[in-house]
Amino acid sequence: MSKKLLLKQQLYQACAKNIEQRINAIQDKLNSIAEARNKETKSSVGDKHNTGRAMMQIEEENSNIQLSQAIKVRTIFSTIDPDKQTGKSALGSLVITNKGSYYLAIGVGKVVLEEKIFYCVSLDSPIGSLLKNKQVGDEFQFNGNKISILEIV
């Protein structure tokens, strides 16, 4: 197995771990909200009680939206085959440029492997959309920089 393919698999694992941590954190928050709601007893001051319950409900709704989005991301991410190599950059590609290395998967940000920086980005991000469907040798502009595709793994 090539060293670059191994790096790509490690980036895949880093993204998978990030997704699961995100989902677990949201589920923990939802469990805490449910626990707090169940423990809360009606206060003698009705408005204070109702305000607290309304705020918990809003927080719960926001957390449910976040959970739904994270599960959607996990579903899309699960379609990636970390061993697949293509001639054009696509979901799951490791794109090495003259200005950095990008793993096209989900928006995790900077990941350091073997003392090198890789950026895990979604195809919907500004740089991800520019990297999509590129081939080795292609060039494009991003933030005033001329970026050249050197390698696609």
N, C-alpha and C. Protein backbone atom coordinates (compact mmCIF):
# COMPACT_ATOMS: atom_id res chain seq x y z
N MET A 1 0.84 -1.18 0.00
CA MET A 1 0.00 0.00 0.00
C MET A 1 0.89 1.24 0.00
N SER A 2 0.54 2.21 -0.82
CA SER A 2 1.35 3.42 -0.91
C SER A 2 1.18 4.26 0.36
N LYS A 3 2.18 5.07 0.62
CA LYS A 3 2.17 5.93 1.80
C LYS A 3 1.02 6.95 1.72
N LYS A 4 0.75 7.45 0.53
CA LYS A 4 -0.32 8.44 0.35
C LYS A 4 -1.69 7.79 0.58
N LEU A 5 -1.86 6.57 0.14
CA LEU A 5 -3.13 5.87 0.36
C LEU A 5 -3.33 5.61 1.85
N LEU A 6 -2.26 5.30 2.54
CA LEU A 6 -2.32 5.10 3.99
C LEU A 6 -2.72 6.41 4.69
N LEU A 7 -2.15 7.53 4.24
CA LEU A 7 -2.52 8.83 4.80
C LEU A 7 -4.01 9.12 4.58
N LYS A 8 -4.47 8.78 3.38
CA LYS A 8 -5.88 8.98 3.05
C LYS A 8 -6.78 8.16 3.99
N GLN A 9 -6.39 6.95 4.28
CA GLN A 9 -7.16 6.11 5.19
C GLN A 9 -7.14 6.68 6.61
N GLN A 10 -6.01 7.24 7.03
CA GLN A 10 -5.92 7.85 8.34
C GLN A 10 -6.79 9.10 8.42
N LEU A 11 -6.85 9.86 7.34
CA LEU A 11 -7.73 11.03 7.30
C LEU A 11 -9.19 10.60 7.37
N TYR A 12 -9.52 9.52 6.69
CA TYR A 12 -10.87 8.97 6.73
C TYR A 12 -11.23 8.62 8.17
N GLN A 13 -10.31 7.95 8.87
CA GLN A 13 -10.56 7.56 10.27
C GLN A 13 -10.71 8.79 11.17
N ALA A 14 -9.91 9.83 10.93
CA ALA A 14 -10.02 11.06 11.72
C ALA A 14 -11.38 11.71 11.53
N CYS A 15 -11.86 11.71 10.29
CA CYS A 15 -13.19 12.28 10.01
C CYS A 15 -14.29 11.43 10.65
N ALA A 16 -14.17 10.12 10.54
CA ALA A 16 -15.17 9.22 11.14
C ALA A 16 -15.24 9.43 12.65
N LYS A 17 -14.09 9.56 13.27
CA LYS A 17 -14.03 9.79 14.71
C LYS A 17 -14.68 11.12 15.07
N ASN A 18 -14.42 12.14 14.27
CA ASN A 18 -15.01 13.46 14.51
C ASN A 18 -16.53 13.41 14.43
N ILE A 19 -17.05 12.72 13.43
CA ILE A 19 -18.51 12.61 13.28
C ILE A 19 -19.12 11.92 14.49
N GLU A 20 -18.53 10.80 14.91
CA GLU A 20 -19.08 10.06 16.05
C GLU A 20 -19.00 10.87 17.33
N GLN A 21 -17.91 11.61 17.53
CA GLN A 21 -17.79 12.44 18.72
C GLN A 21 -18.85 13.54 18.72
N ARG A 22 -19.09 14.11 17.54
CA ARG A 22 -20.10 15.17 17.41
C ARG A 22 -21.49 14.62 17.74
N ILE A 23 -21.81 13.46 17.18
CA ILE A 23 -23.12 12.84 17.43
C ILE A 23 -23.27 12.48 18.90
N ASN A 24 -22.24 11.89 19.49
CA ASN A 24 -22.30 11.51 20.91
C ASN A 24 -22.48 12.74 21.81
N ALA A 25 -21.79 13.84 21.49
CA ALA A 25 -21.91 15.06 22.30
C ALA A 25 -23.33 15.61 22.23
N ILE A 26 -23.92 15.59 21.05
CA ILE A 26 -25.29 16.09 20.90
C ILE A 26 -26.26 15.18 21.64
N GLN A 27 -26.07 13.86 21.54
CA GLN A 27 -26.95 12.92 22.25
C GLN A 27 -26.82 13.09 23.77
N ASP A 28 -25.60 13.32 24.25
CA ASP A 28 -25.39 13.57 25.68
C ASP A 28 -26.15 14.82 26.12
N LYS A 29 -26.08 15.87 25.28
CA LYS A 29 -26.78 17.11 25.60
C LYS A 29 -28.29 16.88 25.64
N LEU A 30 -28.81 16.12 24.68
CA LEU A 30 -30.24 15.81 24.68
C LEU A 30 -30.64 15.00 25.91
N ASN A 31 -29.80 14.06 26.30
CA ASN A 31 -30.08 13.27 27.51
C ASN A 31 -30.09 14.16 28.75
N SER A 32 -29.16 15.11 28.82
CA SER A 32 -29.12 16.04 29.96
C SER A 32 -30.37 16.91 30.01
N ILE A 33 -30.81 17.36 28.84
CA ILE A 33 -32.02 18.19 28.79
C ILE A 33 -33.22 17.37 29.26
N ALA A 34 -33.34 16.14 28.79
CA ALA A 34 -34.46 15.28 29.18
C ALA A 34 -34.43 15.01 30.68
N GLU A 35 -33.23 14.78 31.20
CA GLU A 35 -33.08 14.52 32.64
C GLU A 35 -33.48 15.74 33.46
N ALA A 36 -33.03 16.91 33.02
CA ALA A 36 -33.37 18.15 33.72
C ALA A 36 -34.87 18.42 33.68
N ARG A 37 -35.47 18.15 32.54
CA ARG A 37 -36.91 18.37 32.38
C ARG A 37 -37.68 17.44 33.31
N ASN A 38 -37.24 16.20 33.42
CA ASN A 38 -37.92 15.22 34.28
C ASN A 38 -37.75 15.54 35.76
N LYS A 39 -36.64 16.15 36.13
CA LYS A 39 -36.38 16.46 37.54
C LYS A 39 -37.04 17.76 37.99
N GLU A 40 -37.32 18.62 37.01
CA GLU A 40 -37.86 19.92 37.36
C GLU A 40 -39.27 19.78 37.94
N THR A 41 -39.47 20.42 39.05
CA THR A 41 -40.81 20.42 39.66
C THR A 41 -41.38 21.81 39.51
N LYS A 42 -42.68 21.88 39.53
CA LYS A 42 -43.34 23.17 39.35
C LYS A 42 -42.98 24.09 40.51
N SER A 43 -42.45 25.22 40.14
CA SER A 43 -42.06 26.23 41.11
C SER A 43 -43.30 26.98 41.59
N SER A 44 -43.16 27.62 42.71
CA SER A 44 -44.27 28.43 43.20
C SER A 44 -44.44 29.67 42.33
N VAL A 45 -43.39 30.02 41.62
CA VAL A 45 -43.46 31.14 40.69
C VAL A 45 -43.66 30.55 39.31
N GLY A 46 -44.92 30.57 38.85
CA GLY A 46 -45.29 29.91 37.58
C GLY A 46 -44.55 30.44 36.36
N ASP A 47 -44.35 31.77 36.26
CA ASP A 47 -43.69 32.34 35.08
C ASP A 47 -42.25 31.87 34.96
N LYS A 48 -41.57 31.80 36.09
CA LYS A 48 -40.18 31.36 36.09
C LYS A 48 -40.10 29.90 35.60
N HIS A 49 -41.00 29.08 36.07
CA HIS A 49 -41.05 27.68 35.67
C HIS A 49 -41.31 27.56 34.16
N ASN A 50 -42.31 28.30 33.67
CA ASN A 50 -42.67 28.24 32.26
C ASN A 50 -41.55 28.75 31.37
N THR A 51 -40.86 29.79 31.81
CA THR A 51 -39.73 30.34 31.05
C THR A 51 -38.60 29.31 30.96
N GLY A 52 -38.32 28.65 32.09
CA GLY A 52 -37.27 27.63 32.11
C GLY A 52 -37.60 26.46 31.19
N ARG A 53 -38.85 26.02 31.21
CA ARG A 53 -39.28 24.91 30.33
C ARG A 53 -39.22 25.33 28.86
N ALA A 54 -39.60 26.56 28.57
CA ALA A 54 -39.57 27.04 27.19
C ALA A 54 -38.13 27.11 26.68
N MET A 55 -37.23 27.56 27.53
CA MET A 55 -35.81 27.63 27.13
C MET A 55 -35.25 26.23 26.91
N MET A 56 -35.63 25.28 27.77
CA MET A 56 -35.19 23.89 27.59
C MET A 56 -35.74 23.32 26.29
N GLN A 57 -36.97 23.66 25.97
CA GLN A 57 -37.59 23.15 24.75
C GLN A 57 -36.87 23.70 23.52
N ILE A 58 -36.52 24.98 23.54
CA ILE A 58 -35.78 25.58 22.42
C ILE A 58 -34.42 24.92 22.28
N GLU A 59 -33.74 24.72 23.40
CA GLU A 59 -32.42 24.07 23.38
C GLU A 59 -32.53 22.64 22.85
N GLU A 60 -33.61 21.95 23.26
CA GLU A 60 -33.83 20.59 22.78
C GLU A 60 -34.10 20.57 21.27
N GLU A 61 -34.91 21.50 20.79
CA GLU A 61 -35.19 21.58 19.36
C GLU A 61 -33.92 21.86 18.55
N ASN A 62 -33.11 22.80 19.05
CA ASN A 62 -31.84 23.12 18.36
C ASN A 62 -30.91 21.91 18.35
N SER A 63 -30.86 21.20 19.45
CA SER A 63 -30.00 20.01 19.52
C SER A 63 -30.50 18.92 18.59
N ASN A 64 -31.81 18.76 18.48
CA ASN A 64 -32.37 17.77 17.56
C ASN A 64 -32.04 18.12 16.11
N ILE A 65 -32.06 19.41 15.78
CA ILE A 65 -31.68 19.85 14.42
C ILE A 65 -30.21 19.52 14.17
N GLN A 66 -29.36 19.83 15.15
CA GLN A 66 -27.94 19.52 15.02
C GLN A 66 -27.71 18.03 14.86
N LEU A 67 -28.43 17.23 15.63
CA LEU A 67 -28.29 15.78 15.55
C LEU A 67 -28.71 15.28 14.16
N SER A 68 -29.80 15.80 13.67
CA SER A 68 -30.28 15.41 12.34
C SER A 68 -29.24 15.75 11.27
N GLN A 69 -28.65 16.93 11.37
CA GLN A 69 -27.62 17.34 10.40
C GLN A 69 -26.38 16.46 10.51
N ALA A 70 -25.98 16.14 11.73
CA ALA A 70 -24.79 15.30 11.93
C ALA A 70 -25.03 13.88 11.39
N ILE A 71 -26.22 13.37 11.57
CA ILE A 71 -26.54 12.04 11.04
C ILE A 71 -26.55 12.07 9.52
N LYS A 72 -27.04 13.15 8.95
CA LYS A 72 -27.03 13.31 7.49
C LYS A 72 -25.58 13.32 6.97
N VAL A 73 -24.71 14.05 7.67
CA VAL A 73 -23.30 14.09 7.30
C VAL A 73 -22.69 12.70 7.39
N ARG A 74 -23.02 11.97 8.45
CA ARG A 74 -22.50 10.61 8.62
C ARG A 74 -22.97 9.70 7.48
N THR A 75 -24.22 9.86 7.06
CA THR A 75 -24.76 9.06 5.96
C THR A 75 -24.00 9.34 4.66
N ILE A 76 -23.76 10.60 4.36
CA ILE A 76 -23.00 10.96 3.17
C ILE A 76 -21.57 10.44 3.29
N PHE A 77 -20.98 10.63 4.46
CA PHE A 77 -19.60 10.19 4.69
C PHE A 77 -19.47 8.68 4.52
N SER A 78 -20.49 7.93 4.91
CA SER A 78 -20.42 6.47 4.83
C SER A 78 -20.34 5.96 3.39
N THR A 79 -20.62 6.82 2.42
CA THR A 79 -20.52 6.41 1.01
C THR A 79 -19.08 6.47 0.49
N ILE A 80 -18.19 7.03 1.28
CA ILE A 80 -16.79 7.15 0.86
C ILE A 80 -16.07 5.82 1.00
N ASP A 81 -15.36 5.45 -0.04
CA ASP A 81 -14.48 4.27 -0.01
C ASP A 81 -13.05 4.81 0.10
N PRO A 82 -12.42 4.70 1.27
CA PRO A 82 -11.09 5.29 1.46
C PRO A 82 -10.00 4.65 0.59
N ASP A 83 -10.28 3.50 0.02
CA ASP A 83 -9.28 2.83 -0.83
C ASP A 83 -9.42 3.20 -2.30
N LYS A 84 -10.52 3.86 -2.65
CA LYS A 84 -10.79 4.17 -4.05
C LYS A 84 -9.92 5.33 -4.53
N GLN A 85 -9.39 5.17 -5.72
CA GLN A 85 -8.61 6.24 -6.34
C GLN A 85 -9.22 6.54 -7.70
N THR A 86 -9.34 7.84 -8.00
CA THR A 86 -9.90 8.26 -9.28
C THR A 86 -8.98 9.27 -9.93
N GLY A 87 -9.19 9.50 -11.20
CA GLY A 87 -8.40 10.50 -11.92
C GLY A 87 -8.82 11.92 -11.61
N LYS A 88 -10.09 12.08 -11.24
CA LYS A 88 -10.62 13.40 -10.90
C LYS A 88 -10.93 13.47 -9.42
N SER A 89 -10.80 14.66 -8.87
CA SER A 89 -11.10 14.83 -7.45
C SER A 89 -12.60 14.75 -7.22
N ALA A 90 -12.97 14.06 -6.16
CA ALA A 90 -14.37 13.84 -5.81
C ALA A 90 -14.45 13.58 -4.31
N LEU A 91 -15.65 13.31 -3.83
CA LEU A 91 -15.82 12.97 -2.43
C LEU A 91 -14.92 11.79 -2.08
N GLY A 92 -14.06 11.98 -1.07
CA GLY A 92 -13.14 10.92 -0.66
C GLY A 92 -11.73 11.07 -1.22
N SER A 93 -11.51 12.05 -2.08
CA SER A 93 -10.17 12.25 -2.67
C SER A 93 -9.26 13.03 -1.74
N LEU A 94 -7.99 12.68 -1.78
CA LEU A 94 -6.94 13.47 -1.14
C LEU A 94 -6.29 14.26 -2.27
N VAL A 95 -6.43 15.58 -2.21
CA VAL A 95 -5.92 16.44 -3.27
C VAL A 95 -4.71 17.22 -2.73
N ILE A 96 -3.58 17.00 -3.37
CA ILE A 96 -2.36 17.67 -2.95
C ILE A 96 -2.07 18.79 -3.94
N THR A 97 -1.96 20.00 -3.40
CA THR A 97 -1.73 21.18 -4.23
C THR A 97 -0.42 21.85 -3.83
N ASN A 98 -0.06 22.88 -4.57
CA ASN A 98 1.12 23.65 -4.22
C ASN A 98 0.89 24.53 -2.99
N LYS A 99 -0.36 24.62 -2.53
CA LYS A 99 -0.70 25.46 -1.37
C LYS A 99 -1.24 24.68 -0.19
N GLY A 100 -1.24 23.35 -0.26
CA GLY A 100 -1.74 22.56 0.84
C GLY A 100 -2.36 21.27 0.36
N SER A 101 -2.70 20.42 1.33
CA SER A 101 -3.31 19.13 1.02
C SER A 101 -4.72 19.09 1.62
N TYR A 102 -5.67 18.64 0.79
CA TYR A 102 -7.08 18.68 1.16
C TYR A 102 -7.70 17.30 1.01
N TYR A 103 -8.41 16.88 2.06
CA TYR A 103 -9.17 15.64 2.01
C TYR A 103 -10.63 16.04 1.83
N LEU A 104 -11.22 15.66 0.70
CA LEU A 104 -12.58 16.06 0.38
C LEU A 104 -13.56 15.07 1.02
N ALA A 105 -14.08 15.45 2.16
CA ALA A 105 -14.99 14.56 2.90
C ALA A 105 -15.99 15.39 3.68
N ILE A 106 -15.64 15.76 4.90
CA ILE A 106 -16.50 16.59 5.75
C ILE A 106 -15.66 17.73 6.32
N GLY A 107 -16.34 18.76 6.76
CA GLY A 107 -15.65 19.92 7.30
C GLY A 107 -15.16 19.71 8.71
N VAL A 108 -13.97 19.15 8.84
CA VAL A 108 -13.36 18.95 10.15
C VAL A 108 -12.31 20.04 10.40
N GLY A 109 -11.68 20.49 9.33
CA GLY A 109 -10.62 21.48 9.47
C GLY A 109 -9.26 20.82 9.42
N LYS A 110 -8.34 21.38 10.19
CA LYS A 110 -6.95 20.95 10.14
C LYS A 110 -6.74 19.64 10.89
N VAL A 111 -6.03 18.71 10.23
CA VAL A 111 -5.64 17.45 10.84
C VAL A 111 -4.14 17.30 10.59
N VAL A 112 -3.39 16.98 11.63
CA VAL A 112 -1.95 16.81 11.49
C VAL A 112 -1.62 15.32 11.54
N LEU A 113 -0.97 14.85 10.47
CA LEU A 113 -0.51 13.46 10.38
C LEU A 113 0.94 13.48 9.90
N GLU A 114 1.77 12.73 10.58
CA GLU A 114 3.19 12.64 10.22
C GLU A 114 3.81 14.02 10.06
N GLU A 115 3.47 14.91 11.00
CA GLU A 115 3.99 16.27 11.06
C GLU A 115 3.64 17.11 9.83
N LYS A 116 2.59 16.71 9.11
CA LYS A 116 2.12 17.48 7.95
C LYS A 116 0.68 17.88 8.21
N ILE A 117 0.30 19.03 7.68
CA ILE A 117 -1.06 19.53 7.85
C ILE A 117 -1.91 19.14 6.65
N PHE A 118 -3.09 18.62 6.94
CA PHE A 118 -4.09 18.28 5.94
C PHE A 118 -5.37 19.00 6.35
N TYR A 119 -6.13 19.44 5.37
CA TYR A 119 -7.40 20.10 5.65
C TYR A 119 -8.53 19.19 5.18
N CYS A 120 -9.37 18.79 6.12
CA CYS A 120 -10.55 17.99 5.79
C CYS A 120 -11.69 18.97 5.54
N VAL A 121 -12.15 19.01 4.30
CA VAL A 121 -13.17 19.97 3.90
C VAL A 121 -14.33 19.26 3.21
N SER A 122 -15.49 19.88 3.27
CA SER A 122 -16.64 19.33 2.54
C SER A 122 -16.62 19.87 1.11
N LEU A 123 -17.31 19.18 0.24
CA LEU A 123 -17.40 19.64 -1.15
C LEU A 123 -18.22 20.92 -1.25
N ASP A 124 -19.01 21.23 -0.22
CA ASP A 124 -19.82 22.44 -0.22
C ASP A 124 -19.06 23.67 0.26
N SER A 125 -17.88 23.46 0.83
CA SER A 125 -17.09 24.59 1.30
C SER A 125 -16.53 25.35 0.09
N PRO A 126 -16.12 26.61 0.29
CA PRO A 126 -15.57 27.37 -0.85
C PRO A 126 -14.40 26.67 -1.53
N ILE A 127 -13.44 26.18 -0.76
CA ILE A 127 -12.28 25.50 -1.38
C ILE A 127 -12.69 24.14 -1.92
N GLY A 128 -13.58 23.45 -1.22
CA GLY A 128 -14.04 22.13 -1.67
C GLY A 128 -14.74 22.20 -3.01
N SER A 129 -15.57 23.22 -3.20
CA SER A 129 -16.28 23.35 -4.48
C SER A 129 -15.32 23.67 -5.61
N LEU A 130 -14.24 24.38 -5.32
CA LEU A 130 -13.24 24.67 -6.35
C LEU A 130 -12.38 23.45 -6.68
N LEU A 131 -12.17 22.59 -5.69
CA LEU A 131 -11.35 21.39 -5.90
C LEU A 131 -12.10 20.26 -6.61
N LYS A 132 -13.42 20.30 -6.54
CA LYS A 132 -14.26 19.24 -7.10
C LYS A 132 -14.05 19.10 -8.62
N ASN A 133 -13.94 17.84 -9.06
CA ASN A 133 -13.79 17.47 -10.48
C ASN A 133 -12.52 18.01 -11.13
N LYS A 134 -11.48 18.25 -10.34
CA LYS A 134 -10.20 18.69 -10.90
C LYS A 134 -9.33 17.48 -11.19
N GLN A 135 -8.33 17.72 -12.07
CA GLN A 135 -7.36 16.68 -12.42
C GLN A 135 -5.96 17.21 -12.13
N VAL A 136 -5.00 16.31 -12.07
CA VAL A 136 -3.61 16.71 -11.88
C VAL A 136 -3.23 17.68 -13.00
N GLY A 137 -2.62 18.79 -12.62
CA GLY A 137 -2.23 19.81 -13.58
C GLY A 137 -3.21 20.97 -13.67
N ASP A 138 -4.45 20.79 -13.21
CA ASP A 138 -5.43 21.88 -13.24
C ASP A 138 -5.00 22.98 -12.28
N GLU A 139 -5.38 24.20 -12.63
CA GLU A 139 -5.09 25.37 -11.78
C GLU A 139 -6.35 26.18 -11.58
N PHE A 140 -6.41 26.89 -10.45
CA PHE A 140 -7.55 27.77 -10.17
C PHE A 140 -7.10 28.82 -9.17
N GLN A 141 -7.94 29.85 -9.01
CA GLN A 141 -7.66 30.93 -8.07
C GLN A 141 -8.51 30.76 -6.82
N PHE A 142 -7.89 30.99 -5.66
CA PHE A 142 -8.63 30.98 -4.40
C PHE A 142 -7.98 31.99 -3.46
N ASN A 143 -8.77 32.93 -2.97
CA ASN A 143 -8.28 34.00 -2.08
C ASN A 143 -7.05 34.70 -2.65
N GLY A 144 -7.07 34.94 -3.95
CA GLY A 144 -5.96 35.65 -4.59
C GLY A 144 -4.73 34.81 -4.84
N ASN A 145 -4.80 33.51 -4.55
CA ASN A 145 -3.67 32.61 -4.76
C ASN A 145 -3.93 31.70 -5.95
N LYS A 146 -2.90 31.50 -6.74
CA LYS A 146 -2.99 30.54 -7.85
C LYS A 146 -2.64 29.17 -7.28
N ILE A 147 -3.59 28.24 -7.37
CA ILE A 147 -3.39 26.90 -6.81
C ILE A 147 -3.31 25.90 -7.94
N SER A 148 -2.30 25.03 -7.86
CA SER A 148 -2.09 23.99 -8.86
C SER A 148 -2.28 22.63 -8.22
N ILE A 149 -3.01 21.73 -8.92
CA ILE A 149 -3.21 20.37 -8.43
C ILE A 149 -1.98 19.55 -8.80
N LEU A 150 -1.29 19.03 -7.79
CA LEU A 150 -0.07 18.26 -8.00
C LEU A 150 -0.33 16.76 -8.02
N GLU A 151 -1.28 16.33 -7.17
CA GLU A 151 -1.56 14.89 -7.06
C GLU A 151 -2.96 14.67 -6.51
N ILE A 152 -3.60 13.59 -6.97
CA ILE A 152 -4.90 13.19 -6.45
C ILE A 152 -4.81 11.72 -6.06
N VAL A 153 -5.12 11.46 -4.80
CA VAL A 153 -5.05 10.08 -4.29
C VAL A 153 -6.46 9.61 -3.99
